[in-house]
């Protein structure tokens, strides 16, 4: 019984770092950009909105561009290095063997 370790539930929570927060911000920004683009498309088909054609095209272009750029930033954050991860390379973690002690030459 004394050799068993207690499991502390608080130690097993997933670590939420800055990287996860930024991914969420960029994904929400992509959704907002897509919503602006859709609003531009809707205003093209429904002229009662009172927007000019150039304004609607500007909304479509700006919203689609912003959505695409935000999506790319979120994907880069997902594929990039984790800010919370250790910066020690795997090769430095390998335990290297010490060279064998050489015997003294007898004369």
N, C-alpha and C. Protein backbone atom coordinates (compact mmCIF):
# COMPACT_ATOMS: atom_id res chain seq x y z
N UNK A 1 0.81 -1.19 0.00
CA UNK A 1 0.00 0.00 0.00
C UNK A 1 0.86 1.25 0.00
N UNK A 2 2.00 1.20 0.66
CA UNK A 2 2.82 2.39 0.76
C UNK A 2 3.53 2.72 -0.55
N UNK A 3 3.65 1.76 -1.43
CA UNK A 3 4.36 2.02 -2.68
C UNK A 3 3.46 2.62 -3.75
N UNK A 4 2.17 2.63 -3.54
CA UNK A 4 1.25 3.21 -4.52
C UNK A 4 1.24 4.73 -4.40
N UNK A 5 1.15 5.36 -5.53
CA UNK A 5 1.09 6.81 -5.55
C UNK A 5 -0.35 7.25 -5.66
N UNK A 6 -0.68 8.30 -4.98
CA UNK A 6 -2.02 8.84 -5.09
C UNK A 6 -2.14 9.65 -6.36
N UNK A 7 -3.25 9.56 -6.98
CA UNK A 7 -3.50 10.33 -8.21
C UNK A 7 -4.23 11.59 -7.82
N UNK A 8 -3.61 12.70 -8.08
CA UNK A 8 -4.22 13.99 -7.79
C UNK A 8 -4.95 14.44 -9.04
N UNK A 9 -6.24 14.59 -8.96
CA UNK A 9 -7.04 14.93 -10.13
C UNK A 9 -6.68 16.29 -10.72
N UNK A 10 -6.23 17.20 -9.92
CA UNK A 10 -5.91 18.53 -10.42
C UNK A 10 -4.67 18.52 -11.32
N UNK A 11 -3.81 17.52 -11.16
CA UNK A 11 -2.61 17.45 -11.97
C UNK A 11 -2.88 16.93 -13.38
N UNK A 12 -4.05 16.39 -13.62
CA UNK A 12 -4.33 15.76 -14.91
C UNK A 12 -5.25 16.59 -15.79
N UNK A 13 -5.45 17.84 -15.45
CA UNK A 13 -6.24 18.70 -16.31
C UNK A 13 -5.41 19.09 -17.53
N UNK A 14 -6.03 19.22 -18.68
CA UNK A 14 -5.25 19.63 -19.85
C UNK A 14 -4.76 21.06 -19.68
N UNK A 15 -3.54 21.28 -20.06
CA UNK A 15 -2.95 22.61 -19.94
C UNK A 15 -3.44 23.47 -21.11
N UNK A 16 -4.07 24.57 -20.79
CA UNK A 16 -4.54 25.48 -21.82
C UNK A 16 -3.58 26.65 -21.83
N UNK A 17 -2.90 26.78 -22.92
CA UNK A 17 -1.89 27.82 -23.00
C UNK A 17 -2.29 28.93 -23.95
N UNK A 18 -1.35 29.78 -24.22
CA UNK A 18 -1.56 30.93 -25.09
C UNK A 18 -1.88 30.47 -26.51
N UNK A 19 -1.28 29.37 -26.94
CA UNK A 19 -1.49 28.87 -28.29
C UNK A 19 -2.96 28.50 -28.51
N UNK A 20 -3.57 27.83 -27.54
CA UNK A 20 -4.97 27.44 -27.67
C UNK A 20 -5.88 28.67 -27.71
N UNK A 21 -5.54 29.67 -26.94
CA UNK A 21 -6.33 30.90 -26.92
C UNK A 21 -6.28 31.60 -28.27
N UNK A 22 -5.09 31.68 -28.86
CA UNK A 22 -4.96 32.34 -30.15
C UNK A 22 -5.63 31.57 -31.28
N UNK A 23 -5.63 30.26 -31.21
CA UNK A 23 -6.34 29.47 -32.23
C UNK A 23 -7.82 29.79 -32.16
N UNK A 24 -8.37 29.89 -30.97
CA UNK A 24 -9.79 30.22 -30.82
C UNK A 24 -10.11 31.60 -31.33
N UNK A 25 -9.23 32.55 -31.08
CA UNK A 25 -9.45 33.92 -31.57
C UNK A 25 -9.44 33.95 -33.09
N UNK A 26 -8.47 33.28 -33.70
CA UNK A 26 -8.39 33.29 -35.17
C UNK A 26 -9.57 32.56 -35.80
N UNK A 27 -10.04 31.49 -35.18
CA UNK A 27 -11.20 30.78 -35.74
C UNK A 27 -12.46 31.63 -35.64
N UNK A 28 -12.63 32.35 -34.55
CA UNK A 28 -13.78 33.25 -34.43
C UNK A 28 -13.68 34.41 -35.41
N UNK A 29 -12.47 34.89 -35.65
CA UNK A 29 -12.27 35.96 -36.64
C UNK A 29 -12.59 35.47 -38.05
N UNK A 30 -12.24 34.24 -38.35
CA UNK A 30 -12.57 33.67 -39.66
C UNK A 30 -14.09 33.60 -39.84
N UNK A 31 -14.78 33.22 -38.79
CA UNK A 31 -16.25 33.16 -38.86
C UNK A 31 -16.84 34.55 -39.07
N UNK A 32 -16.29 35.56 -38.39
CA UNK A 32 -16.78 36.93 -38.55
C UNK A 32 -16.54 37.43 -39.97
N UNK A 33 -15.38 37.14 -40.54
CA UNK A 33 -15.10 37.53 -41.92
C UNK A 33 -16.04 36.86 -42.91
N UNK A 34 -16.31 35.58 -42.68
CA UNK A 34 -17.25 34.87 -43.55
C UNK A 34 -18.65 35.46 -43.43
N UNK A 35 -19.05 35.88 -42.24
CA UNK A 35 -20.37 36.48 -42.05
C UNK A 35 -20.47 37.81 -42.80
N UNK A 36 -19.40 38.59 -42.81
CA UNK A 36 -19.41 39.85 -43.55
C UNK A 36 -19.52 39.57 -45.06
N UNK A 37 -18.81 38.56 -45.53
CA UNK A 37 -18.90 38.21 -46.95
C UNK A 37 -20.31 37.74 -47.31
N UNK A 38 -20.92 36.95 -46.47
CA UNK A 38 -22.29 36.48 -46.73
C UNK A 38 -23.27 37.65 -46.71
N UNK A 39 -23.05 38.60 -45.80
CA UNK A 39 -23.92 39.78 -45.77
C UNK A 39 -23.81 40.58 -47.07
N UNK A 40 -22.62 40.64 -47.64
CA UNK A 40 -22.44 41.30 -48.93
C UNK A 40 -23.17 40.58 -50.05
N UNK A 41 -23.10 39.25 -50.04
CA UNK A 41 -23.80 38.47 -51.06
C UNK A 41 -25.31 38.64 -50.93
N UNK A 42 -25.80 38.63 -49.70
CA UNK A 42 -27.24 38.79 -49.48
C UNK A 42 -27.70 40.17 -49.93
N UNK A 43 -26.89 41.19 -49.69
CA UNK A 43 -27.29 42.54 -50.11
C UNK A 43 -27.27 42.69 -51.63
N UNK A 44 -26.50 41.86 -52.33
CA UNK A 44 -26.55 41.88 -53.80
C UNK A 44 -27.88 41.34 -54.31
N UNK A 45 -28.37 40.28 -53.68
CA UNK A 45 -29.61 39.65 -54.15
C UNK A 45 -30.87 40.31 -53.60
N UNK A 46 -30.73 41.07 -52.53
CA UNK A 46 -31.88 41.74 -51.93
C UNK A 46 -31.61 43.25 -51.93
N UNK A 47 -32.03 43.95 -52.99
CA UNK A 47 -31.71 45.38 -53.08
C UNK A 47 -32.45 46.25 -52.07
N UNK A 48 -33.39 45.70 -51.33
CA UNK A 48 -34.12 46.51 -50.35
C UNK A 48 -33.25 46.86 -49.14
N UNK A 49 -32.06 46.27 -49.05
CA UNK A 49 -31.15 46.57 -47.94
C UNK A 49 -30.64 48.00 -48.00
N UNK A 50 -30.62 48.59 -49.19
CA UNK A 50 -30.20 49.97 -49.33
C UNK A 50 -28.70 50.15 -49.53
N UNK A 51 -27.98 49.09 -49.81
CA UNK A 51 -26.54 49.19 -50.05
C UNK A 51 -26.28 49.25 -51.56
N UNK A 52 -25.28 50.01 -51.93
CA UNK A 52 -24.93 50.07 -53.34
C UNK A 52 -24.20 48.79 -53.74
N UNK A 53 -24.10 48.57 -55.03
CA UNK A 53 -23.45 47.36 -55.54
C UNK A 53 -21.97 47.38 -55.17
N UNK A 54 -21.33 48.53 -55.25
CA UNK A 54 -19.91 48.62 -54.91
C UNK A 54 -19.66 48.33 -53.42
N UNK A 55 -20.56 48.77 -52.57
CA UNK A 55 -20.42 48.48 -51.14
C UNK A 55 -20.56 46.98 -50.89
N UNK A 56 -21.52 46.35 -51.56
CA UNK A 56 -21.72 44.91 -51.40
C UNK A 56 -20.50 44.13 -51.89
N UNK A 57 -19.94 44.55 -53.02
CA UNK A 57 -18.75 43.87 -53.55
C UNK A 57 -17.56 44.08 -52.61
N UNK A 58 -17.47 45.26 -52.03
CA UNK A 58 -16.40 45.53 -51.06
C UNK A 58 -16.56 44.65 -49.84
N UNK A 59 -17.78 44.50 -49.35
CA UNK A 59 -18.02 43.61 -48.21
C UNK A 59 -17.64 42.18 -48.55
N UNK A 60 -17.99 41.73 -49.73
CA UNK A 60 -17.68 40.36 -50.13
C UNK A 60 -16.16 40.17 -50.18
N UNK A 61 -15.47 41.10 -50.83
CA UNK A 61 -14.01 40.97 -50.95
C UNK A 61 -13.30 41.06 -49.62
N UNK A 62 -13.68 42.06 -48.83
CA UNK A 62 -13.01 42.26 -47.54
C UNK A 62 -13.31 41.11 -46.57
N UNK A 63 -14.57 40.68 -46.52
CA UNK A 63 -14.94 39.59 -45.61
C UNK A 63 -14.29 38.28 -45.99
N UNK A 64 -14.27 37.98 -47.29
CA UNK A 64 -13.65 36.73 -47.74
C UNK A 64 -12.14 36.75 -47.51
N UNK A 65 -11.52 37.89 -47.77
CA UNK A 65 -10.07 38.00 -47.54
C UNK A 65 -9.74 37.86 -46.06
N UNK A 66 -10.51 38.54 -45.22
CA UNK A 66 -10.25 38.45 -43.79
C UNK A 66 -10.49 37.03 -43.27
N UNK A 67 -11.55 36.38 -43.76
CA UNK A 67 -11.83 35.01 -43.34
C UNK A 67 -10.71 34.07 -43.76
N UNK A 68 -10.21 34.25 -44.99
CA UNK A 68 -9.15 33.38 -45.48
C UNK A 68 -7.86 33.59 -44.68
N UNK A 69 -7.51 34.85 -44.43
CA UNK A 69 -6.28 35.13 -43.67
C UNK A 69 -6.38 34.62 -42.23
N UNK A 70 -7.53 34.80 -41.61
CA UNK A 70 -7.71 34.30 -40.24
C UNK A 70 -7.65 32.78 -40.20
N UNK A 71 -8.21 32.13 -41.21
CA UNK A 71 -8.16 30.66 -41.28
C UNK A 71 -6.71 30.19 -41.43
N UNK A 72 -5.92 30.91 -42.25
CA UNK A 72 -4.52 30.55 -42.44
C UNK A 72 -3.73 30.72 -41.15
N UNK A 73 -4.02 31.77 -40.40
CA UNK A 73 -3.32 31.98 -39.14
C UNK A 73 -3.69 30.90 -38.12
N UNK A 74 -4.96 30.48 -38.11
CA UNK A 74 -5.36 29.41 -37.19
C UNK A 74 -4.68 28.10 -37.57
N UNK A 75 -4.61 27.82 -38.87
CA UNK A 75 -3.94 26.59 -39.32
C UNK A 75 -2.45 26.63 -39.01
N UNK A 76 -1.84 27.80 -39.14
CA UNK A 76 -0.42 27.93 -38.81
C UNK A 76 -0.19 27.71 -37.32
N UNK A 77 -1.10 28.19 -36.49
CA UNK A 77 -0.98 27.96 -35.05
C UNK A 77 -1.14 26.49 -34.71
N UNK A 78 -2.03 25.80 -35.43
CA UNK A 78 -2.21 24.38 -35.16
C UNK A 78 -0.99 23.56 -35.58
N UNK A 79 -0.38 23.94 -36.68
CA UNK A 79 0.76 23.18 -37.19
C UNK A 79 2.09 23.63 -36.60
N UNK A 80 2.13 24.82 -36.03
CA UNK A 80 3.37 25.39 -35.52
C UNK A 80 3.77 24.80 -34.19
N UNK A 81 4.91 25.26 -33.67
CA UNK A 81 5.36 24.76 -32.37
C UNK A 81 4.46 25.26 -31.26
N UNK A 82 4.32 24.46 -30.24
CA UNK A 82 3.50 24.80 -29.10
C UNK A 82 4.29 25.71 -28.17
N UNK A 83 3.69 26.82 -27.74
CA UNK A 83 4.37 27.76 -26.86
C UNK A 83 4.65 27.14 -25.48
N UNK A 84 3.82 26.19 -25.08
CA UNK A 84 3.96 25.59 -23.76
C UNK A 84 4.90 24.39 -23.76
N UNK A 85 5.30 23.94 -24.94
CA UNK A 85 6.13 22.74 -25.03
C UNK A 85 7.57 23.06 -24.62
N UNK A 86 8.28 22.04 -24.28
CA UNK A 86 9.67 22.20 -23.91
C UNK A 86 10.49 22.58 -25.14
N UNK A 87 11.48 23.43 -24.95
CA UNK A 87 12.31 23.85 -26.07
C UNK A 87 13.57 23.01 -26.20
N UNK A 88 13.72 22.02 -25.35
CA UNK A 88 14.88 21.15 -25.42
C UNK A 88 14.71 20.16 -26.57
N UNK A 89 15.66 20.10 -27.48
CA UNK A 89 15.52 19.14 -28.58
C UNK A 89 15.61 17.70 -28.08
N UNK A 90 15.02 16.80 -28.82
CA UNK A 90 15.01 15.39 -28.41
C UNK A 90 16.41 14.82 -28.32
N UNK A 91 17.33 15.29 -29.15
CA UNK A 91 18.68 14.76 -29.11
C UNK A 91 19.40 15.11 -27.81
N UNK A 92 19.00 16.20 -27.17
CA UNK A 92 19.63 16.58 -25.91
C UNK A 92 19.09 15.77 -24.73
N UNK A 93 17.95 15.15 -24.91
CA UNK A 93 17.34 14.36 -23.83
C UNK A 93 17.90 12.95 -23.74
N UNK A 94 18.62 12.52 -24.76
CA UNK A 94 19.15 11.17 -24.79
C UNK A 94 20.28 11.06 -23.78
N UNK A 95 20.22 10.00 -22.99
CA UNK A 95 21.29 9.76 -22.02
C UNK A 95 22.46 9.15 -22.77
N UNK A 96 23.55 9.84 -22.75
CA UNK A 96 24.72 9.34 -23.47
C UNK A 96 25.58 8.51 -22.52
N UNK A 97 26.17 7.47 -23.09
CA UNK A 97 27.03 6.61 -22.29
C UNK A 97 28.39 7.27 -22.13
N UNK A 98 28.94 7.06 -20.98
CA UNK A 98 30.29 7.58 -20.75
C UNK A 98 31.29 6.66 -21.43
N UNK A 99 32.38 7.23 -21.93
CA UNK A 99 33.40 6.36 -22.53
C UNK A 99 34.02 5.46 -21.46
N UNK A 100 34.38 4.29 -21.88
CA UNK A 100 34.99 3.32 -20.94
C UNK A 100 36.33 3.85 -20.45
N UNK A 101 36.58 3.60 -19.19
CA UNK A 101 37.86 4.02 -18.63
C UNK A 101 38.96 3.20 -19.25
N UNK A 102 40.00 3.85 -19.68
CA UNK A 102 41.12 3.14 -20.30
C UNK A 102 42.11 2.67 -19.23
N UNK A 103 42.55 1.51 -19.44
CA UNK A 103 43.54 0.96 -18.50
C UNK A 103 44.90 1.61 -18.76
N UNK A 104 45.63 1.82 -17.68
CA UNK A 104 46.96 2.40 -17.82
C UNK A 104 47.89 1.39 -18.49
N UNK A 105 48.67 1.87 -19.39
CA UNK A 105 49.63 0.98 -20.06
C UNK A 105 50.75 0.65 -19.10
N UNK A 106 51.07 -0.61 -19.01
CA UNK A 106 52.17 -1.00 -18.11
C UNK A 106 53.47 -1.02 -18.89
N UNK A 107 54.50 -0.52 -18.31
CA UNK A 107 55.77 -0.50 -19.01
C UNK A 107 56.74 -1.50 -18.48
